[in-house]
Amino acid sequence: MARAAIESINKAQNAILQHAKPTDAQIYADAASRVIALYQHRVHSEVPDANDALELRKADAAERSLRLAALAGERREILKQTQRRRISDETARKLRHEIDLLESRYR
């Protein structure tokens, strides 16, 4: 099953890249690599078991936690830059809104 998933990922990536901007190619390649890595672990495991699902959930939780920590750091930096008048209030508001949207994905 994992091999079929990897094959589907590769096909989908190729289809997406045909319509994507050349500047976005690396973004799609990186995303595909991360997803494929999850499935390759399953291919190389001799006996799939419930621990695989548990490990994937732990990895997802860890990634989510780290992404939220990064967004909190960005939010603090925006505040500092606004206080030092290096960015305008309007720019800060827009950046905070983007962070709010990203945070909602990971909560």
PDB file of N, CA and C in Angstrom:
ATOM      1  N   MET A   1       0.807  -1.188   0.000  1.00  0.00           N
ATOM      2  CA  MET A   1       0.000   0.000   0.000  1.00  0.00           C
ATOM      3  C   MET A   1       0.859   1.266   0.000  1.00  0.00           C
ATOM      4  N   ALA A   2       1.932   1.251   0.767  1.00  0.00           N
ATOM      5  CA  ALA A   2       2.785   2.429   0.840  1.00  0.00           C
ATOM      6  C   ALA A   2       3.423   2.725  -0.515  1.00  0.00           C
ATOM      7  N   ARG A   3       3.802   1.667  -1.228  1.00  0.00           N
ATOM      8  CA  ARG A   3       4.399   1.881  -2.555  1.00  0.00           C
ATOM      9  C   ARG A   3       3.394   2.528  -3.506  1.00  0.00           C
ATOM     10  N   ALA A   4       2.153   2.112  -3.428  1.00  0.00           N
ATOM     11  CA  ALA A   4       1.109   2.703  -4.274  1.00  0.00           C
ATOM     12  C   ALA A   4       0.908   4.170  -3.911  1.00  0.00           C
ATOM     13  N   ALA A   5       0.982   4.464  -2.621  1.00  0.00           N
ATOM     14  CA  ALA A   5       0.830   5.852  -2.178  1.00  0.00           C
ATOM     15  C   ALA A   5       1.973   6.707  -2.713  1.00  0.00           C
ATOM     16  N   ILE A   6       3.185   6.187  -2.654  1.00  0.00           N
ATOM     17  CA  ILE A   6       4.346   6.929  -3.150  1.00  0.00           C
ATOM     18  C   ILE A   6       4.214   7.180  -4.652  1.00  0.00           C
ATOM     19  N   GLU A   7       3.784   6.175  -5.366  1.00  0.00           N
ATOM     20  CA  GLU A   7       3.587   6.324  -6.810  1.00  0.00           C
ATOM     21  C   GLU A   7       2.544   7.403  -7.103  1.00  0.00           C
ATOM     22  N   SER A   8       1.466   7.406  -6.336  1.00  0.00           N
ATOM     23  CA  SER A   8       0.420   8.423  -6.517  1.00  0.00           C
ATOM     24  C   SER A   8       0.931   9.815  -6.192  1.00  0.00           C
ATOM     25  N   ILE A   9       1.750   9.916  -5.176  1.00  0.00           N
ATOM     26  CA  ILE A   9       2.338  11.219  -4.820  1.00  0.00           C
ATOM     27  C   ILE A   9       3.194  11.731  -5.966  1.00  0.00           C
ATOM     28  N   ASN A  10       4.020  10.863  -6.516  1.00  0.00           N
ATOM     29  CA  ASN A  10       4.884  11.267  -7.630  1.00  0.00           C
ATOM     30  C   ASN A  10       4.068  11.716  -8.844  1.00  0.00           C
ATOM     31  N   LYS A  11       3.004  10.973  -9.156  1.00  0.00           N
ATOM     32  CA  LYS A  11       2.153  11.355 -10.284  1.00  0.00           C
ATOM     33  C   LYS A  11       1.475  12.694 -10.030  1.00  0.00           C
ATOM     34  N   ALA A  12       0.962  12.867  -8.817  1.00  0.00           N
ATOM     35  CA  ALA A  12       0.288  14.132  -8.477  1.00  0.00           C
ATOM     36  C   ALA A  12       1.267  15.297  -8.525  1.00  0.00           C
ATOM     37  N   GLN A  13       2.465  15.071  -8.038  1.00  0.00           N
ATOM     38  CA  GLN A  13       3.479  16.134  -8.063  1.00  0.00           C
ATOM     39  C   GLN A  13       3.790  16.524  -9.505  1.00  0.00           C
ATOM     40  N   ASN A  14       3.959  15.555 -10.369  1.00  0.00           N
ATOM     41  CA  ASN A  14       4.245  15.860 -11.776  1.00  0.00           C
ATOM     42  C   ASN A  14       3.106  16.629 -12.422  1.00  0.00           C
ATOM     43  N   ALA A  15       1.866  16.242 -12.113  1.00  0.00           N
ATOM     44  CA  ALA A  15       0.712  16.948 -12.669  1.00  0.00           C
ATOM     45  C   ALA A  15       0.646  18.385 -12.153  1.00  0.00           C
ATOM     46  N   ILE A  16       0.908  18.556 -10.876  1.00  0.00           N
ATOM     47  CA  ILE A  16       0.883  19.904 -10.286  1.00  0.00           C
ATOM     48  C   ILE A  16       1.980  20.770 -10.887  1.00  0.00           C
ATOM     49  N   LEU A  17       3.150  20.200 -11.066  1.00  0.00           N
ATOM     50  CA  LEU A  17       4.281  20.976 -11.581  1.00  0.00           C
ATOM     51  C   LEU A  17       4.059  21.447 -13.017  1.00  0.00           C
ATOM     52  N   GLN A  18       3.240  20.722 -13.781  1.00  0.00           N
ATOM     53  CA  GLN A  18       2.954  21.146 -15.148  1.00  0.00           C
ATOM     54  C   GLN A  18       2.191  22.461 -15.189  1.00  0.00           C
ATOM     55  N   HIS A  19       1.436  22.754 -14.118  1.00  0.00           N
ATOM     56  CA  HIS A  19       0.615  23.962 -14.086  1.00  0.00           C
ATOM     57  C   HIS A  19       1.132  25.005 -13.092  1.00  0.00           C
ATOM     58  N   ALA A  20       2.142  24.650 -12.327  1.00  0.00           N
ATOM     59  CA  ALA A  20       2.659  25.564 -11.305  1.00  0.00           C
ATOM     60  C   ALA A  20       3.655  26.544 -11.907  1.00  0.00           C
ATOM     61  N   LYS A  21       3.825  27.642 -11.220  1.00  0.00           N
ATOM     62  CA  LYS A  21       4.844  28.616 -11.612  1.00  0.00           C
ATOM     63  C   LYS A  21       6.219  27.997 -11.392  1.00  0.00           C
ATOM     64  N   PRO A  22       7.172  28.323 -12.255  1.00  0.00           N
ATOM     65  CA  PRO A  22       8.522  27.775 -12.073  1.00  0.00           C
ATOM     66  C   PRO A  22       9.105  28.113 -10.696  1.00  0.00           C
ATOM     67  N   THR A  23       8.741  29.262 -10.153  1.00  0.00           N
ATOM     68  CA  THR A  23       9.272  29.657  -8.846  1.00  0.00           C
ATOM     69  C   THR A  23       8.704  28.809  -7.721  1.00  0.00           C
ATOM     70  N   ASP A  24       7.589  28.119  -7.950  1.00  0.00           N
ATOM     71  CA  ASP A  24       6.969  27.283  -6.926  1.00  0.00           C
ATOM     72  C   ASP A  24       7.429  25.829  -6.987  1.00  0.00           C
ATOM     73  N   ALA A  25       8.222  25.476  -7.953  1.00  0.00           N
ATOM     74  CA  ALA A  25       8.621  24.082  -8.156  1.00  0.00           C
ATOM     75  C   ALA A  25       9.306  23.505  -6.923  1.00  0.00           C
ATOM     76  N   GLN A  26      10.184  24.262  -6.297  1.00  0.00           N
ATOM     77  CA  GLN A  26      10.904  23.753  -5.129  1.00  0.00           C
ATOM     78  C   GLN A  26       9.962  23.538  -3.953  1.00  0.00           C
ATOM     79  N   ILE A  27       8.958  24.381  -3.813  1.00  0.00           N
ATOM     80  CA  ILE A  27       7.984  24.224  -2.732  1.00  0.00           C
ATOM     81  C   ILE A  27       7.267  22.879  -2.867  1.00  0.00           C
ATOM     82  N   TYR A  28       6.818  22.569  -4.084  1.00  0.00           N
ATOM     83  CA  TYR A  28       6.121  21.308  -4.307  1.00  0.00           C
ATOM     84  C   TYR A  28       7.064  20.111  -4.150  1.00  0.00           C
ATOM     85  N   ALA A  29       8.287  20.268  -4.589  1.00  0.00           N
ATOM     86  CA  ALA A  29       9.262  19.180  -4.447  1.00  0.00           C
ATOM     87  C   ALA A  29       9.534  18.897  -2.974  1.00  0.00           C
ATOM     88  N   ASP A  30       9.690  19.936  -2.176  1.00  0.00           N
ATOM     89  CA  ASP A  30       9.940  19.759  -0.747  1.00  0.00           C
ATOM     90  C   ASP A  30       8.750  19.104  -0.053  1.00  0.00           C
ATOM     91  N   ALA A  31       7.552  19.568  -0.386  1.00  0.00           N
ATOM     92  CA  ALA A  31       6.340  18.993   0.218  1.00  0.00           C
ATOM     93  C   ALA A  31       6.213  17.514  -0.145  1.00  0.00           C
ATOM     94  N   ALA A  32       6.437  17.202  -1.402  1.00  0.00           N
ATOM     95  CA  ALA A  32       6.349  15.805  -1.844  1.00  0.00           C
ATOM     96  C   ALA A  32       7.388  14.945  -1.131  1.00  0.00           C
ATOM     97  N   SER A  33       8.573  15.482  -0.957  1.00  0.00           N
ATOM     98  CA  SER A  33       9.631  14.731  -0.268  1.00  0.00           C
ATOM     99  C   SER A  33       9.242  14.401   1.164  1.00  0.00           C
ATOM    100  N   ARG A  34       8.637  15.368   1.848  1.00  0.00           N
ATOM    101  CA  ARG A  34       8.233  15.122   3.239  1.00  0.00           C
ATOM    102  C   ARG A  34       7.152  14.039   3.319  1.00  0.00           C
ATOM    103  N   VAL A  35       6.180  14.102   2.419  1.00  0.00           N
ATOM    104  CA  VAL A  35       5.101  13.112   2.446  1.00  0.00           C
ATOM    105  C   VAL A  35       5.642  11.744   2.050  1.00  0.00           C
ATOM    106  N   ILE A  36       6.487  11.700   1.042  1.00  0.00           N
ATOM    107  CA  ILE A  36       7.066  10.424   0.601  1.00  0.00           C
ATOM    108  C   ILE A  36       7.898   9.804   1.717  1.00  0.00           C
ATOM    109  N   ALA A  37       8.614  10.619   2.470  1.00  0.00           N
ATOM    110  CA  ALA A  37       9.439  10.100   3.564  1.00  0.00           C
ATOM    111  C   ALA A  37       8.594   9.344   4.582  1.00  0.00           C
ATOM    112  N   LEU A  38       7.393   9.821   4.835  1.00  0.00           N
ATOM    113  CA  LEU A  38       6.504   9.114   5.764  1.00  0.00           C
ATOM    114  C   LEU A  38       6.155   7.728   5.241  1.00  0.00           C
ATOM    115  N   TYR A  39       5.889   7.657   3.944  1.00  0.00           N
ATOM    116  CA  TYR A  39       5.524   6.362   3.359  1.00  0.00           C
ATOM    117  C   TYR A  39       6.741   5.445   3.193  1.00  0.00           C
ATOM    118  N   GLN A  40       7.903   6.004   2.917  1.00  0.00           N
ATOM    119  CA  GLN A  40       9.098   5.170   2.767  1.00  0.00           C
ATOM    120  C   GLN A  40       9.431   4.460   4.072  1.00  0.00           C
ATOM    121  N   HIS A  41       9.176   5.134   5.175  1.00  0.00           N
ATOM    122  CA  HIS A  41       9.397   4.486   6.466  1.00  0.00           C
ATOM    123  C   HIS A  41       8.552   3.219   6.559  1.00  0.00           C
ATOM    124  N   ARG A  42       7.320   3.303   6.075  1.00  0.00           N
ATOM    125  CA  ARG A  42       6.437   2.145   6.110  1.00  0.00           C
ATOM    126  C   ARG A  42       6.917   1.049   5.162  1.00  0.00           C
ATOM    127  N   VAL A  43       7.458   1.445   4.001  1.00  0.00           N
ATOM    128  CA  VAL A  43       7.957   0.458   3.045  1.00  0.00           C
ATOM    129  C   VAL A  43       9.120  -0.319   3.648  1.00  0.00           C
ATOM    130  N   HIS A  44       9.990   0.382   4.362  1.00  0.00           N
ATOM    131  CA  HIS A  44      11.195  -0.248   4.905  1.00  0.00           C
ATOM    132  C   HIS A  44      10.946  -0.993   6.210  1.00  0.00           C
ATOM    133  N   SER A  45       9.815  -0.769   6.829  1.00  0.00           N
ATOM    134  CA  SER A  45       9.468  -1.511   8.039  1.00  0.00           C
ATOM    135  C   SER A  45       9.082  -2.930   7.627  1.00  0.00           C
ATOM    136  N   GLU A  46       9.619  -3.884   8.332  1.00  0.00           N
ATOM    137  CA  GLU A  46       9.325  -5.264   7.972  1.00  0.00           C
ATOM    138  C   GLU A  46       7.887  -5.643   8.306  1.00  0.00           C
ATOM    139  N   VAL A  47       7.435  -5.253   9.492  1.00  0.00           N
ATOM    140  CA  VAL A  47       6.094  -5.621   9.913  1.00  0.00           C
ATOM    141  C   VAL A  47       5.381  -4.353  10.390  1.00  0.00           C
ATOM    142  N   PRO A  48       4.394  -3.907   9.628  1.00  0.00           N
ATOM    143  CA  PRO A  48       3.660  -2.726  10.086  1.00  0.00           C
ATOM    144  C   PRO A  48       2.834  -3.076  11.325  1.00  0.00           C
ATOM    145  N   ASP A  49       2.792  -2.151  12.270  1.00  0.00           N
ATOM    146  CA  ASP A  49       1.998  -2.403  13.465  1.00  0.00           C
ATOM    147  C   ASP A  49       1.386  -1.111  13.988  1.00  0.00           C
ATOM    148  N   ALA A  50       0.711  -1.233  15.097  1.00  0.00           N
ATOM    149  CA  ALA A  50       0.024  -0.080  15.688  1.00  0.00           C
ATOM    150  C   ALA A  50       1.016   0.984  16.134  1.00  0.00           C
ATOM    151  N   ASN A  51       2.259   0.600  16.394  1.00  0.00           N
ATOM    152  CA  ASN A  51       3.267   1.582  16.814  1.00  0.00           C
ATOM    153  C   ASN A  51       3.551   2.593  15.710  1.00  0.00           C
ATOM    154  N   ASP A  52       3.436   2.175  14.437  1.00  0.00           N
ATOM    155  CA  ASP A  52       3.652   3.102  13.327  1.00  0.00           C
ATOM    156  C   ASP A  52       2.653   4.250  13.388  1.00  0.00           C
ATOM    157  N   ALA A  53       1.399   3.916  13.611  1.00  0.00           N
ATOM    158  CA  ALA A  53       0.366   4.955  13.695  1.00  0.00           C
ATOM    159  C   ALA A  53       0.627   5.868  14.887  1.00  0.00           C
ATOM    160  N   LEU A  54       1.030   5.280  15.993  1.00  0.00           N
ATOM    161  CA  LEU A  54       1.328   6.076  17.185  1.00  0.00           C
ATOM    162  C   LEU A  54       2.510   7.002  16.927  1.00  0.00           C
ATOM    163  N   GLU A  55       3.547   6.489  16.283  1.00  0.00           N
ATOM    164  CA  GLU A  55       4.720   7.312  15.959  1.00  0.00           C
ATOM    165  C   GLU A  55       4.357   8.456  15.022  1.00  0.00           C
ATOM    166  N   LEU A  56       3.509   8.180  14.030  1.00  0.00           N
ATOM    167  CA  LEU A  56       3.083   9.234  13.113  1.00  0.00           C
ATOM    168  C   LEU A  56       2.290  10.306  13.842  1.00  0.00           C
ATOM    169  N   ARG A  57       1.429   9.897  14.766  1.00  0.00           N
ATOM    170  CA  ARG A  57       0.664  10.881  15.536  1.00  0.00           C
ATOM    171  C   ARG A  57       1.588  11.722  16.404  1.00  0.00           C
ATOM    172  N   LYS A  58       2.588  11.083  17.002  1.00  0.00           N
ATOM    173  CA  LYS A  58       3.553  11.826  17.822  1.00  0.00           C
ATOM    174  C   LYS A  58       4.347  12.809  16.962  1.00  0.00           C
ATOM    175  N   ALA A  59       4.755  12.361  15.796  1.00  0.00           N
ATOM    176  CA  ALA A  59       5.511  13.234  14.892  1.00  0.00           C
ATOM    177  C   ALA A  59       4.648  14.411  14.439  1.00  0.00           C
ATOM    178  N   ASP A  60       3.386  14.147  14.134  1.00  0.00           N
ATOM    179  CA  ASP A  60       2.472  15.231  13.754  1.00  0.00           C
ATOM    180  C   ASP A  60       2.303  16.227  14.889  1.00  0.00           C
ATOM    181  N   ALA A  61       2.137  15.717  16.101  1.00  0.00           N
ATOM    182  CA  ALA A  61       1.974  16.602  17.264  1.00  0.00           C
ATOM    183  C   ALA A  61       3.236  17.435  17.492  1.00  0.00           C
ATOM    184  N   ALA A  62       4.394  16.803  17.329  1.00  0.00           N
ATOM    185  CA  ALA A  62       5.652  17.526  17.513  1.00  0.00           C
ATOM    186  C   ALA A  62       5.808  18.609  16.452  1.00  0.00           C
ATOM    187  N   GLU A  63       5.499  18.280  15.215  1.00  0.00           N
ATOM    188  CA  GLU A  63       5.594  19.275  14.140  1.00  0.00           C
ATOM    189  C   GLU A  63       4.626  20.425  14.374  1.00  0.00           C
ATOM    190  N   ARG A  64       3.422  20.088  14.782  1.00  0.00           N
ATOM    191  CA  ARG A  64       2.421  21.131  15.050  1.00  0.00           C
ATOM    192  C   ARG A  64       2.891  22.046  16.178  1.00  0.00           C
ATOM    193  N   SER A  65       3.434  21.463  17.218  1.00  0.00           N
ATOM    194  CA  SER A  65       3.935  22.245  18.345  1.00  0.00           C
ATOM    195  C   SER A  65       5.071  23.174  17.922  1.00  0.00           C
ATOM    196  N   LEU A  66       5.977  22.663  17.116  1.00  0.00           N
ATOM    197  CA  LEU A  66       7.106  23.469  16.647  1.00  0.00           C
ATOM    198  C   LEU A  66       6.648  24.580  15.709  1.00  0.00           C
ATOM    199  N   ARG A  67       5.693  24.292  14.865  1.00  0.00           N
ATOM    200  CA  ARG A  67       5.161  25.340  13.969  1.00  0.00           C
ATOM    201  C   ARG A  67       4.488  26.443  14.776  1.00  0.00           C
ATOM    202  N   LEU A  68       3.725  26.067  15.804  1.00  0.00           N
ATOM    203  CA  LEU A  68       3.078  27.068  16.653  1.00  0.00           C
ATOM    204  C   LEU A  68       4.109  27.899  17.413  1.00  0.00           C
ATOM    205  N   ALA A  69       5.183  27.258  17.858  1.00  0.00           N
ATOM    206  CA  ALA A  69       6.253  27.995  18.538  1.00  0.00           C
ATOM    207  C   ALA A  69       6.908  28.998  17.585  1.00  0.00           C
ATOM    208  N   ALA A  70       7.111  28.577  16.350  1.00  0.00           N
ATOM    209  CA  ALA A  70       7.707  29.473  15.350  1.00  0.00           C
ATOM    210  C   ALA A  70       6.786  30.664  15.085  1.00  0.00           C
ATOM    211  N   LEU A  71       5.504  30.411  14.989  1.00  0.00           N
ATOM    212  CA  LEU A  71       4.550  31.499  14.748  1.00  0.00           C
ATOM    213  C   LEU A  71       4.499  32.456  15.930  1.00  0.00           C
ATOM    214  N   ALA A  72       4.609  31.924  17.139  1.00  0.00           N
ATOM    215  CA  ALA A  72       4.646  32.789  18.323  1.00  0.00           C
ATOM    216  C   ALA A  72       5.887  33.671  18.283  1.00  0.00           C
ATOM    217  N   GLY A  73       7.014  33.119  17.855  1.00  0.00           N
ATOM    218  CA  GLY A  73       8.236  33.906  17.710  1.00  0.00           C
ATOM    219  C   GLY A  73       8.074  35.004  16.670  1.00  0.00           C
ATOM    220  N   GLU A  74       7.423  34.687  15.568  1.00  0.00           N
ATOM    221  CA  GLU A  74       7.166  35.697  14.538  1.00  0.00           C
ATOM    222  C   GLU A  74       6.279  36.810  15.095  1.00  0.00           C
ATOM    223  N   ARG A  75       5.271  36.419  15.856  1.00  0.00           N
ATOM    224  CA  ARG A  75       4.357  37.399  16.430  1.00  0.00           C
ATOM    225  C   ARG A  75       5.112  38.347  17.377  1.00  0.00           C
ATOM    226  N   ARG A  76       5.992  37.789  18.208  1.00  0.00           N
ATOM    227  CA  ARG A  76       6.801  38.629  19.118  1.00  0.00           C
ATOM    228  C   ARG A  76       7.698  39.588  18.347  1.00  0.00           C
ATOM    229  N   GLU A  77       8.284  39.113  17.269  1.00  0.00           N
ATOM    230  CA  GLU A  77       9.171  39.957  16.462  1.00  0.00           C
ATOM    231  C   GLU A  77       8.389  41.079  15.776  1.00  0.00           C
ATOM    232  N   ILE A  78       7.195  40.783  15.325  1.00  0.00           N
ATOM    233  CA  ILE A  78       6.354  41.825  14.713  1.00  0.00           C
ATOM    234  C   ILE A  78       6.081  42.918  15.737  1.00  0.00           C
ATOM    235  N   LEU A  79       5.770  42.512  16.957  1.00  0.00           N
ATOM    236  CA  LEU A  79       5.522  43.494  18.013  1.00  0.00           C
ATOM    237  C   LEU A  79       6.754  44.366  18.251  1.00  0.00           C
ATOM    238  N   LYS A  80       7.922  43.737  18.336  1.00  0.00           N
ATOM    239  CA  LYS A  80       9.171  44.498  18.531  1.00  0.00           C
ATOM    240  C   LYS A  80       9.405  45.477  17.383  1.00  0.00           C
ATOM    241  N   GLN A  81       9.221  44.989  16.161  1.00  0.00           N
ATOM    242  CA  GLN A  81       9.465  45.842  14.996  1.00  0.00           C
ATOM    243  C   GLN A  81       8.478  47.007  14.943  1.00  0.00           C
ATOM    244  N   THR A  82       7.255  46.761  15.381  1.00  0.00           N
ATOM    245  CA  THR A  82       6.253  47.834  15.416  1.00  0.00           C
ATOM    246  C   THR A  82       6.615  48.850  16.493  1.00  0.00           C
ATOM    247  N   GLN A  83       7.015  48.371  17.652  1.00  0.00           N
ATOM    248  CA  GLN A  83       7.385  49.274  18.748  1.00  0.00           C
ATOM    249  C   GLN A  83       8.598  50.136  18.384  1.00  0.00           C
ATOM    250  N   ARG A  84       9.488  49.584  17.610  1.00  0.00           N
ATOM    251  CA  ARG A  84      10.684  50.332  17.186  1.00  0.00           C
ATOM    252  C   ARG A  84      10.409  51.174  15.936  1.00  0.00           C
ATOM    253  N   ARG A  85       9.166  51.097  15.457  1.00  0.00           N
ATOM    254  CA  ARG A  85       8.709  51.842  14.281  1.00  0.00           C
ATOM    255  C   ARG A  85       9.479  51.464  13.005  1.00  0.00           C
ATOM    256  N   ARG A  86       9.864  50.196  12.944  1.00  0.00           N
ATOM    257  CA  ARG A  86      10.520  49.691  11.732  1.00  0.00           C
ATOM    258  C   ARG A  86       9.496  49.200  10.720  1.00  0.00           C
ATOM    259  N   ILE A  87       8.310  48.853  11.214  1.00  0.00           N
ATOM    260  CA  ILE A  87       7.204  48.518  10.323  1.00  0.00           C
ATOM    261  C   ILE A  87       5.979  49.299  10.800  1.00  0.00           C
ATOM    262  N   SER A  88       5.103  49.591   9.874  1.00  0.00           N
ATOM    263  CA  SER A  88       3.910  50.374  10.206  1.00  0.00           C
ATOM    264  C   SER A  88       2.884  49.510  10.936  1.00  0.00           C
ATOM    265  N   ASP A  89       1.953  50.174  11.583  1.00  0.00           N
ATOM    266  CA  ASP A  89       0.868  49.455  12.251  1.00  0.00           C
ATOM    267  C   ASP A  89       0.059  48.647  11.245  1.00  0.00           C
ATOM    268  N   GLU A  90      -0.137  49.208  10.076  1.00  0.00           N
ATOM    269  CA  GLU A  90      -0.897  48.517   9.032  1.00  0.00           C
ATOM    270  C   GLU A  90      -0.184  47.236   8.595  1.00  0.00           C
ATOM    271  N   THR A  91       1.113  47.320   8.382  1.00  0.00           N
ATOM    272  CA  THR A  91       1.891  46.134   8.002  1.00  0.00           C
ATOM    273  C   THR A  91       1.845  45.099   9.122  1.00  0.00           C
ATOM    274  N   ALA A  92       1.997  45.567  10.353  1.00  0.00           N
ATOM    275  CA  ALA A  92       1.947  44.655  11.504  1.00  0.00           C
ATOM    276  C   ALA A  92       0.589  43.953  11.571  1.00  0.00           C
ATOM    277  N   ARG A  93      -0.477  44.697  11.337  1.00  0.00           N
ATOM    278  CA  ARG A  93      -1.817  44.118  11.369  1.00  0.00           C
ATOM    279  C   ARG A  93      -1.962  43.025  10.313  1.00  0.00           C
ATOM    280  N   LYS A  94      -1.467  43.295   9.112  1.00  0.00           N
ATOM    281  CA  LYS A  94      -1.555  42.308   8.036  1.00  0.00           C
ATOM    282  C   LYS A  94      -0.741  41.054   8.375  1.00  0.00           C
ATOM    283  N   LEU A  95       0.451  41.255   8.910  1.00  0.00           N
ATOM    284  CA  LEU A  95       1.299  40.116   9.275  1.00  0.00           C
ATOM    285  C   LEU A  95       0.663  39.290  10.396  1.00  0.00           C
ATOM    286  N   ARG A  96       0.099  39.966  11.392  1.00  0.00           N
ATOM    287  CA  ARG A  96      -0.574  39.246  12.487  1.00  0.00           C
ATOM    288  C   ARG A  96      -1.770  38.459  11.964  1.00  0.00           C
ATOM    289  N   HIS A  97      -2.473  39.033  11.010  1.00  0.00           N
ATOM    290  CA  HIS A  97      -3.614  38.327  10.414  1.00  0.00           C
ATOM    291  C   HIS A  97      -3.148  37.038   9.721  1.00  0.00           C
ATOM    292  N   GLU A  98      -2.049  37.125   8.987  1.00  0.00           N
ATOM    293  CA  GLU A  98      -1.507  35.927   8.329  1.00  0.00           C
ATOM    294  C   GLU A  98      -1.119  34.872   9.363  1.00  0.00           C
ATOM    295  N   ILE A  99      -0.524  35.315  10.459  1.00  0.00           N
ATOM    296  CA  ILE A  99      -0.142  34.386  11.524  1.00  0.00           C
ATOM    297  C   ILE A  99      -1.396  33.765  12.143  1.00  0.00           C
ATOM    298  N   ASP A 100      -2.428  34.579  12.352  1.00  0.00           N
ATOM    299  CA  ASP A 100      -3.690  34.058  12.893  1.00  0.00           C
ATOM    300  C   ASP A 100      -4.236  32.937  12.011  1.00  0.00           C
ATOM    301  N   LEU A 101      -4.193  33.139  10.712  1.00  0.00           N
ATOM    302  CA  LEU A 101      -4.692  32.123   9.778  1.00  0.00           C
ATOM    303  C   LEU A 101      -3.867  30.840   9.861  1.00  0.00           C
ATOM    304  N   LEU A 102      -2.556  31.005   9.902  1.00  0.00           N
ATOM    305  CA  LEU A 102      -1.695  29.820  10.012  1.00  0.00           C
ATOM    306  C   LEU A 102      -1.911  29.100  11.334  1.00  0.00           C
ATOM    307  N   GLU A 103      -2.025  29.851  12.416  1.00  0.00           N
ATOM    308  CA  GLU A 103      -2.250  29.237  13.716  1.00  0.00           C
ATOM    309  C   GLU A 103      -3.547  28.434  13.745  1.00  0.00           C
ATOM    310  N   SER A 104      -4.562  28.937  13.077  1.00  0.00           N
ATOM    311  CA  SER A 104      -5.847  28.233  13.069  1.00  0.00           C
ATOM    312  C   SER A 104      -5.721  26.870  12.381  1.00  0.00           C
ATOM    313  N   ARG A 105      -4.788  26.748  11.458  1.00  0.00           N
ATOM    314  CA  ARG A 105      -4.554  25.454  10.792  1.00  0.00           C
ATOM    315  C   ARG A 105      -3.977  24.422  11.739  1.00  0.00           C
ATOM    316  N   TYR A 106      -3.164  24.883  12.691  1.00  0.00           N
ATOM    317  CA  TYR A 106      -2.419  23.952  13.546  1.00  0.00           C
ATOM    318  C   TYR A 106      -3.046  23.754  14.912  1.00  0.00           C
ATOM    319  N   ARG A 107      -4.122  24.392  15.201  1.00  0.00           N
ATOM    320  CA  ARG A 107      -4.770  24.221  16.518  1.00  0.00           C
ATOM    321  C   ARG A 107      -5.851  23.176  16.439  1.00  0.00           C
TER     322      ARG A 107
END
